[in-house]
Amino acid sequence: MDKIANNVRKLKAAAGCGVKVLAVVKAEAYGCGGEAVSRAALEGGAELLGVASVAEALSLRRGGLACPILVFGRPEEAELEAVVQEDLLQTVFDLALARQLDERARKAGKKVRIHLNIDTGMGRLGLLPREIDTFLEGLSSCPNLLLDGVYTHFPAADTDAQFTAQQVRIFREVLQKIRNLGYSIPLVHVANTAALLNRCCEMFDMVRPGISIYGLYGSSAVSREFILEEAVSFKTKVIHVKRVAPGTSISYCREYVTDRETTIATIAAGYADGVPFRLAKGGHVLIRGQRFPIAGRVTMDMTMVDVGDSVDVRTGDEAVIIGRSGKEIIPVAEVAQIAGTIEHDVICGIGPRVPRAYIRENRMVSVYRYAFGEVKKPEP
């Protein structure tokens, strides 16, 4: 938690004086735990939170978080009432959604703050620039909606500066159209992690860091000028140790056969827990400060590790899939590279039956177990 708060402080400094920070905590804060990470991000100076769905926003509200929360995705019709009653900031990208929200707000006697998403090149959600005139004409008949922000999203701020600059030019043209019609825009925001750290555009009023909150850069093309602290570890335990003869096959399909007498340690985590299946070829695990290769295919619930002649390894030892053991470290980026994926995928993929332990000042302060829906705080 201390690392996450410190990362947000550094990101806020990178954004510059007067620029707000919206901490992106969708997908349970990239798999790390929405409420806990949100509190640490707010402690570090974030003013808003961003989530993918109304359900995610309501989970944070139930956890006691009263700060502004922006919902990026489209709400179900049954969720519109919650948007109104919980004072959520709702992204809007077509007139149908705007009119639905306006009607719910009218019935409740309230106003709803909305953010317009402009599609300048992401090709996902958002109003196309050619649609903005028609949209604004329709928005004028929605008196219960308040324009709180306008934003766009960059797909290649780390790899294509020219395309990103083109997006900014298009976005500025749309902003001018909106302002020419008399709308004020309290929050203009475009910069994700890559744009923020690479400084490839103006920061406007707010930035939206996501993967960087967790101490990750998301791409080798993102600047390391601001040194972030990797906050995520993924650990389990050795649950079985056996000595095997040469020619022993390990795991499914016999893709790993020992060429010598060796020791195999089985650890209590598999691909259902978030150990990438492709780590079978080139992946390692840390045990007692030493790096050992994964032996054979990762299975659903367990993974085998060839610890050779290390007689020190025993049942109950900590096994580190991501993180540090002694002087050795396996960063998220290494796991992502071997698995042929991105850092986001690795940490989001850590499964719900893996308990989340939260550390402050080198002391565990709480443990959350999704699988059992309980929070257990350790004894003082």
Protein backbone atom coordinates (compact mmCIF):
# COMPACT_ATOMS: atom_id res chain seq x y z
CA MET A 1 0.00 0.00 0.00
CA ASP A 2 2.88 2.39 0.74
CA LYS A 3 4.34 1.75 -2.71
CA ILE A 4 1.02 2.42 -4.42
CA ALA A 5 0.57 5.70 -2.53
CA ASN A 6 4.16 6.72 -3.39
CA ASN A 7 3.65 5.83 -7.05
CA VAL A 8 0.58 8.05 -7.20
CA ARG A 9 2.56 10.90 -5.63
CA LYS A 10 5.20 10.55 -8.34
CA LEU A 11 2.56 10.40 -11.08
CA LYS A 12 0.91 13.50 -9.68
CA ALA A 13 4.28 15.27 -9.77
CA ALA A 14 4.75 14.12 -13.37
CA ALA A 15 1.34 15.56 -14.30
CA GLY A 16 2.28 18.99 -13.03
CA CYS A 17 0.87 21.63 -10.75
CA GLY A 18 -2.91 21.90 -10.71
CA VAL A 19 -3.54 18.75 -12.75
CA LYS A 20 -5.86 16.24 -11.11
CA VAL A 21 -5.24 12.50 -11.00
CA LEU A 22 -7.94 9.93 -11.71
CA ALA A 23 -6.68 6.55 -10.52
CA VAL A 24 -7.89 3.76 -12.78
CA VAL A 25 -8.99 0.93 -10.48
CA LYS A 26 -11.20 -1.10 -12.80
CA ALA A 27 -11.16 -4.91 -12.74
CA GLU A 28 -10.70 -4.88 -8.96
CA ALA A 29 -7.74 -2.53 -9.34
CA TYR A 30 -6.11 -4.74 -11.98
CA GLY A 31 -6.68 -7.76 -9.79
CA CYS A 32 -5.14 -6.24 -6.68
CA GLY A 33 -8.32 -5.31 -4.79
CA GLY A 34 -10.45 -2.30 -5.62
CA GLU A 35 -11.18 -0.86 -2.20
CA ALA A 36 -7.70 -1.24 -0.72
CA VAL A 37 -5.88 0.10 -3.77
CA SER A 38 -8.35 2.98 -4.11
CA ARG A 39 -7.72 4.08 -0.55
CA ALA A 40 -3.95 3.99 -1.10
CA ALA A 41 -4.29 5.93 -4.36
CA LEU A 42 -6.41 8.61 -2.68
CA GLU A 43 -3.87 8.79 0.12
CA GLY A 44 -1.22 9.42 -2.54
CA GLY A 45 -3.12 12.38 -3.95
CA ALA A 46 -5.61 10.99 -6.48
CA GLU A 47 -8.85 12.98 -6.52
CA LEU A 48 -11.05 10.66 -8.61
CA LEU A 49 -11.36 6.96 -9.36
CA GLY A 50 -12.14 5.29 -12.68
CA VAL A 51 -13.95 1.98 -13.14
CA ALA A 52 -15.35 -0.01 -16.04
CA SER A 53 -18.85 -0.62 -14.76
CA VAL A 54 -21.55 0.58 -12.39
CA ALA A 55 -21.17 -2.64 -10.41
CA GLU A 56 -17.52 -1.81 -9.75
CA ALA A 57 -18.45 1.71 -8.69
CA LEU A 58 -21.12 0.43 -6.30
CA SER A 59 -18.61 -1.95 -4.72
CA LEU A 60 -16.40 1.03 -3.92
CA ARG A 61 -19.36 3.00 -2.58
CA ARG A 62 -20.27 0.08 -0.30
CA GLY A 63 -16.69 0.17 0.94
CA GLY A 64 -17.24 3.74 2.11
CA LEU A 65 -15.51 5.61 -0.71
CA ALA A 66 -17.41 8.85 -1.32
CA CYS A 67 -15.00 10.46 -3.82
CA PRO A 68 -16.01 11.09 -7.46
CA ILE A 69 -16.05 7.87 -9.48
CA LEU A 70 -16.13 7.89 -13.28
CA VAL A 71 -17.74 4.89 -15.01
CA PHE A 72 -16.12 4.28 -18.41
CA GLY A 73 -18.56 1.65 -19.71
CA ARG A 74 -22.23 1.62 -20.66
CA PRO A 75 -24.63 0.91 -17.79
CA GLU A 76 -27.42 -1.59 -18.07
CA GLU A 77 -30.86 0.02 -18.00
CA ALA A 78 -31.44 -1.45 -14.54
CA GLU A 79 -28.28 0.31 -13.30
CA LEU A 80 -29.29 3.84 -14.34
CA GLU A 81 -31.03 4.46 -11.03
CA ALA A 82 -27.80 3.69 -9.19
CA VAL A 83 -25.88 6.13 -11.38
CA VAL A 84 -28.31 8.85 -10.32
CA GLN A 85 -28.64 7.97 -6.65
CA GLU A 86 -24.93 7.31 -6.00
CA ASP A 87 -23.82 10.50 -7.77
CA LEU A 88 -21.58 8.64 -10.20
CA LEU A 89 -19.90 10.33 -13.12
CA GLN A 90 -21.14 8.51 -16.20
CA THR A 91 -19.42 8.32 -19.56
CA VAL A 92 -21.80 9.07 -22.44
CA PHE A 93 -21.15 8.33 -26.12
CA ASP A 94 -24.55 8.34 -27.78
CA LEU A 95 -27.87 10.17 -27.53
CA ALA A 96 -29.86 7.12 -26.50
CA LEU A 97 -27.84 6.75 -23.30
CA ALA A 98 -27.97 10.51 -22.65
CA ARG A 99 -31.76 10.54 -22.91
CA GLN A 100 -32.13 7.50 -20.67
CA LEU A 101 -29.99 9.14 -18.00
CA ASP A 102 -31.81 12.44 -18.33
CA GLU A 103 -35.18 10.77 -17.81
CA ARG A 104 -34.00 8.89 -14.70
CA ALA A 105 -32.49 12.06 -13.29
CA ARG A 106 -35.73 13.99 -13.96
CA LYS A 107 -37.79 11.42 -12.09
CA ALA A 108 -35.39 11.55 -9.14
CA GLY A 109 -35.26 15.33 -9.12
CA LYS A 110 -31.49 15.24 -9.46
CA LYS A 111 -28.74 16.15 -11.89
CA VAL A 112 -26.24 13.66 -13.36
CA ARG A 113 -22.72 14.69 -14.26
CA ILE A 114 -21.53 13.18 -17.51
CA HIS A 115 -18.22 12.85 -19.36
CA LEU A 116 -18.19 12.65 -23.15
CA ASN A 117 -15.86 10.08 -24.66
CA ILE A 118 -14.61 11.18 -28.10
CA ASP A 119 -13.24 8.45 -30.35
CA THR A 120 -10.20 10.00 -32.01
CA GLY A 121 -8.57 6.72 -32.98
CA MET A 122 -9.11 4.02 -30.36
CA GLY A 123 -12.03 2.48 -32.24
CA ARG A 124 -13.68 1.21 -29.08
CA LEU A 125 -16.26 3.44 -27.36
CA GLY A 126 -16.82 7.10 -28.09
CA LEU A 127 -18.53 9.65 -30.27
CA LEU A 128 -16.89 10.05 -33.65
CA PRO A 129 -15.91 13.67 -34.35
CA ARG A 130 -18.44 13.87 -37.20
CA GLU A 131 -21.22 12.95 -34.75
CA ILE A 132 -20.55 15.71 -32.23
CA ASP A 133 -22.85 18.37 -33.76
CA THR A 134 -25.87 16.07 -33.83
CA PHE A 135 -25.08 14.82 -30.32
CA LEU A 136 -24.79 18.30 -28.83
CA GLU A 137 -28.08 19.34 -30.47
CA GLY A 138 -29.75 16.40 -28.74
CA LEU A 139 -27.93 17.05 -25.46
CA SER A 140 -29.46 20.53 -25.33
CA SER A 141 -32.82 18.87 -24.68
CA CYS A 142 -31.45 16.95 -21.66
CA PRO A 143 -31.64 19.58 -18.89
CA ASN A 144 -30.90 17.12 -16.11
CA LEU A 145 -27.41 16.26 -17.43
CA LEU A 146 -24.41 18.40 -16.53
CA LEU A 147 -21.34 18.26 -18.74
CA ASP A 148 -18.53 17.60 -16.27
CA GLY A 149 -15.80 16.37 -18.61
CA VAL A 150 -14.65 15.43 -22.10
CA TYR A 151 -11.97 12.88 -22.86
CA THR A 152 -10.38 10.63 -25.44
CA HIS A 153 -8.17 7.56 -25.22
CA PHE A 154 -4.76 6.87 -26.76
CA PRO A 155 -4.05 3.37 -28.14
CA ALA A 156 -0.38 4.00 -28.97
CA ALA A 157 1.06 6.79 -26.82
CA ASP A 158 4.06 4.55 -26.13
CA THR A 159 4.80 3.58 -29.74
CA ASP A 160 3.36 6.11 -32.19
CA ALA A 161 3.91 9.76 -31.32
CA GLN A 162 2.71 10.94 -34.73
CA PHE A 163 -0.63 9.15 -34.44
CA THR A 164 -1.05 10.41 -30.87
CA ALA A 165 -0.38 13.99 -32.00
CA GLN A 166 -3.01 13.56 -34.70
CA GLN A 167 -5.49 12.39 -32.06
CA VAL A 168 -4.78 15.48 -29.99
CA ARG A 169 -5.38 17.76 -32.98
CA ILE A 170 -8.74 16.10 -33.68
CA PHE A 171 -9.66 16.25 -30.00
CA ARG A 172 -8.88 19.97 -29.80
CA GLU A 173 -11.17 20.62 -32.77
CA VAL A 174 -13.99 18.79 -31.01
CA LEU A 175 -13.37 20.73 -27.78
CA GLN A 176 -13.63 23.98 -29.69
CA LYS A 177 -16.95 22.96 -31.22
CA ILE A 178 -18.31 22.15 -27.77
CA ARG A 179 -17.14 25.46 -26.32
CA ASN A 180 -18.46 27.43 -29.30
CA LEU A 181 -21.93 26.22 -28.37
CA GLY A 182 -21.57 27.73 -24.93
CA TYR A 183 -20.61 24.66 -22.91
CA SER A 184 -17.96 24.97 -20.22
CA ILE A 185 -15.88 21.84 -19.61
CA PRO A 186 -14.61 21.48 -16.03
CA LEU A 187 -12.41 18.45 -16.76
CA VAL A 188 -10.59 17.73 -20.02
CA HIS A 189 -8.49 14.56 -19.85
CA VAL A 190 -6.54 12.45 -22.32
CA ALA A 191 -3.31 11.13 -20.75
CA ASN A 192 -3.02 7.49 -19.76
CA THR A 193 0.16 6.06 -18.21
CA ALA A 194 2.15 6.07 -21.47
CA ALA A 195 1.15 9.61 -22.42
CA LEU A 196 1.80 10.89 -18.91
CA LEU A 197 5.27 9.36 -18.49
CA ASN A 198 6.38 9.95 -22.09
CA ARG A 199 5.09 13.56 -21.92
CA CYS A 200 3.81 13.23 -25.47
CA CYS A 201 0.90 15.65 -25.05
CA GLU A 202 -0.57 18.38 -22.89
CA MET A 203 -1.87 17.10 -19.56
CA PHE A 204 -5.02 19.31 -19.72
CA ASP A 205 -7.02 19.25 -16.44
CA MET A 206 -6.58 15.62 -15.40
CA VAL A 207 -4.59 12.46 -16.12
CA ARG A 208 -5.73 8.83 -15.92
CA PRO A 209 -2.84 6.54 -14.83
CA GLY A 210 -3.65 2.86 -14.68
CA ILE A 211 -0.86 0.25 -14.78
CA SER A 212 1.67 2.75 -13.39
CA ILE A 213 -0.17 2.98 -10.06
CA TYR A 214 1.03 -0.55 -9.39
CA GLY A 215 4.65 0.32 -10.21
CA LEU A 216 4.52 -1.05 -13.75
CA TYR A 217 5.16 0.79 -16.99
CA GLY A 218 3.15 -1.41 -19.36
CA SER A 219 5.67 -1.15 -22.19
CA SER A 220 9.42 -1.01 -22.73
CA ALA A 221 8.78 2.18 -24.74
CA VAL A 222 7.51 4.10 -21.72
CA SER A 223 9.96 6.51 -20.06
CA ARG A 224 11.61 5.48 -16.78
CA GLU A 225 12.34 9.09 -15.78
CA PHE A 226 10.02 8.63 -12.82
CA ILE A 227 11.15 5.54 -10.90
CA LEU A 228 8.09 3.62 -9.78
CA GLU A 229 8.02 0.87 -7.16
CA GLU A 230 6.55 -2.48 -8.20
CA ALA A 231 3.83 -3.15 -5.65
CA VAL A 232 2.58 -6.60 -6.64
CA SER A 233 3.92 -9.94 -5.45
CA PHE A 234 2.41 -13.37 -6.16
CA LYS A 235 3.42 -16.06 -3.69
CA THR A 236 2.38 -19.54 -2.69
CA LYS A 237 3.92 -22.51 -0.85
CA VAL A 238 5.69 -25.74 -1.60
CA ILE A 239 3.22 -28.54 -0.80
CA HIS A 240 5.22 -31.60 -1.83
CA VAL A 241 8.86 -32.53 -2.42
CA LYS A 242 10.09 -35.74 -4.03
CA ARG A 243 13.37 -37.15 -5.29
CA VAL A 244 13.02 -38.69 -8.76
CA ALA A 245 15.22 -40.82 -11.00
CA PRO A 246 16.55 -39.95 -14.47
CA GLY A 247 13.89 -40.44 -17.16
CA THR A 248 10.97 -39.39 -14.92
CA SER A 249 8.27 -37.47 -16.80
CA ILE A 250 6.73 -34.46 -15.10
CA SER A 251 3.21 -33.13 -15.77
CA TYR A 252 0.86 -33.60 -18.72
CA CYS A 253 1.96 -34.78 -22.17
CA ARG A 254 5.43 -35.77 -20.87
CA GLU A 255 6.99 -32.61 -22.27
CA TYR A 256 9.51 -32.52 -19.41
CA VAL A 257 11.56 -35.64 -18.69
CA THR A 258 14.40 -35.51 -16.17
CA ASP A 259 17.90 -36.17 -17.55
CA ARG A 260 19.36 -36.82 -14.10
CA GLU A 261 18.36 -37.67 -10.57
CA THR A 262 16.75 -34.53 -9.21
CA THR A 263 14.25 -33.10 -6.75
CA ILE A 264 10.83 -31.91 -7.84
CA ALA A 265 8.92 -29.43 -5.68
CA THR A 266 5.19 -29.01 -6.27
CA ILE A 267 3.75 -25.57 -5.47
CA ALA A 268 0.11 -24.75 -4.71
CA ALA A 269 -0.75 -22.51 -7.67
CA GLY A 270 -1.64 -23.21 -11.28
CA TYR A 271 -3.21 -21.53 -14.25
CA ALA A 272 -6.57 -21.25 -12.46
CA ASP A 273 -4.75 -19.06 -9.93
CA GLY A 274 -3.02 -16.93 -12.54
CA VAL A 275 0.24 -18.76 -13.24
CA PRO A 276 0.44 -18.31 -17.03
CA PHE A 277 0.28 -21.63 -18.86
CA ARG A 278 3.12 -20.57 -21.16
CA LEU A 279 5.56 -20.27 -18.25
CA ALA A 280 6.16 -23.99 -18.77
CA LYS A 281 8.88 -23.06 -21.23
CA GLY A 282 11.30 -20.60 -19.72
CA GLY A 283 9.52 -19.67 -16.50
CA HIS A 284 11.06 -19.77 -13.04
CA VAL A 285 10.01 -19.75 -9.40
CA LEU A 286 11.98 -18.43 -6.43
CA ILE A 287 12.38 -20.65 -3.37
CA ARG A 288 14.72 -19.83 -0.48
CA GLY A 289 16.34 -17.05 -2.47
CA GLN A 290 17.18 -19.28 -5.42
CA ARG A 291 15.78 -19.35 -8.95
CA PHE A 292 14.49 -22.72 -10.20
CA PRO A 293 12.92 -23.66 -13.57
CA ILE A 294 9.31 -24.72 -13.92
CA ALA A 295 9.21 -28.41 -14.85
CA GLY A 296 6.59 -29.44 -17.40
CA ARG A 297 3.21 -27.95 -18.06
CA VAL A 298 1.57 -25.65 -15.55
CA THR A 299 -1.55 -27.46 -14.35
CA MET A 300 -4.83 -26.01 -13.18
CA ASP A 301 -4.07 -26.03 -9.44
CA MET A 302 -0.36 -26.81 -9.14
CA THR A 303 2.99 -26.22 -10.78
CA MET A 304 6.09 -28.38 -10.55
CA VAL A 305 9.57 -26.94 -10.11
CA ASP A 306 12.92 -28.67 -10.67
CA VAL A 307 15.03 -27.73 -7.65
CA GLY A 308 17.91 -30.04 -8.56
CA ASP A 309 20.12 -31.02 -5.65
CA SER A 310 18.96 -28.26 -3.34
CA VAL A 311 18.21 -30.38 -0.30
CA ASP A 312 17.13 -27.27 1.62
CA VAL A 313 13.78 -27.07 -0.18
CA ARG A 314 11.02 -28.55 1.93
CA THR A 315 7.24 -28.63 2.29
CA GLY A 316 5.92 -25.31 3.57
CA ASP A 317 8.60 -23.15 1.96
CA GLU A 318 7.47 -19.93 0.31
CA ALA A 319 7.46 -20.07 -3.49
CA VAL A 320 7.56 -16.74 -5.31
CA ILE A 321 6.03 -16.50 -8.80
CA ILE A 322 6.27 -12.69 -8.91
CA GLY A 323 8.35 -10.72 -6.45
CA ARG A 324 11.47 -11.08 -4.36
CA SER A 325 13.13 -13.88 -2.41
CA GLY A 326 16.48 -13.02 -0.87
CA LYS A 327 18.51 -11.19 -3.51
CA GLU A 328 16.60 -12.73 -6.41
CA ILE A 329 13.58 -11.07 -8.02
CA ILE A 330 11.08 -12.02 -10.72
CA PRO A 331 9.36 -8.84 -11.98
CA VAL A 332 5.96 -8.78 -13.65
CA ALA A 333 7.63 -7.77 -16.94
CA GLU A 334 9.66 -10.98 -17.01
CA VAL A 335 6.58 -13.14 -16.54
CA ALA A 336 4.72 -11.19 -19.22
CA GLN A 337 7.57 -11.55 -21.72
CA ILE A 338 7.88 -15.31 -21.25
CA ALA A 339 4.10 -15.74 -21.40
CA GLY A 340 3.89 -13.66 -24.57
CA THR A 341 1.49 -11.13 -23.06
CA ILE A 342 1.40 -7.76 -21.30
CA GLU A 343 1.88 -6.82 -17.66
CA HIS A 344 -1.80 -5.84 -17.36
CA ASP A 345 -2.85 -9.37 -18.33
CA VAL A 346 -0.50 -10.98 -15.81
CA ILE A 347 -1.74 -9.14 -12.72
CA CYS A 348 -5.39 -9.04 -13.80
CA GLY A 349 -5.16 -12.78 -14.31
CA ILE A 350 -4.34 -13.61 -10.69
CA GLY A 351 -7.40 -15.63 -9.74
CA PRO A 352 -10.09 -15.00 -7.13
CA ARG A 353 -9.10 -17.91 -4.90
CA VAL A 354 -5.69 -16.32 -4.28
CA PRO A 355 -5.94 -14.29 -1.03
CA ARG A 356 -4.89 -10.63 -1.31
CA ALA A 357 -2.61 -9.57 1.53
CA TYR A 358 -2.10 -5.84 2.14
CA ILE A 359 1.18 -4.59 3.56
CA ARG A 360 1.93 -1.25 5.21
CA GLU A 361 5.32 -0.37 6.69
CA ASN A 362 6.42 -3.98 6.15
CA ARG A 363 3.51 -5.26 8.22
CA MET A 364 0.48 -7.19 6.99
CA VAL A 365 -2.60 -5.14 7.87
CA SER A 366 -5.34 -7.21 6.25
CA VAL A 367 -6.09 -10.18 4.04
CA TYR A 368 -9.03 -10.41 1.66
CA ARG A 369 -10.25 -13.77 0.40
CA TYR A 370 -12.55 -13.38 -2.61
CA ALA A 371 -13.37 -17.06 -2.71
CA PHE A 372 -14.89 -16.93 0.75
CA GLY A 373 -16.05 -13.31 0.82
CA GLU A 374 -14.29 -12.54 4.06
CA VAL A 375 -11.75 -10.09 5.35
CA LYS A 376 -9.43 -11.29 8.07
CA LYS A 377 -7.28 -8.87 9.99
CA PRO A 378 -4.26 -10.37 11.76
CA GLU A 379 -3.87 -10.09 15.49
CA PRO A 380 -1.84 -7.06 16.65
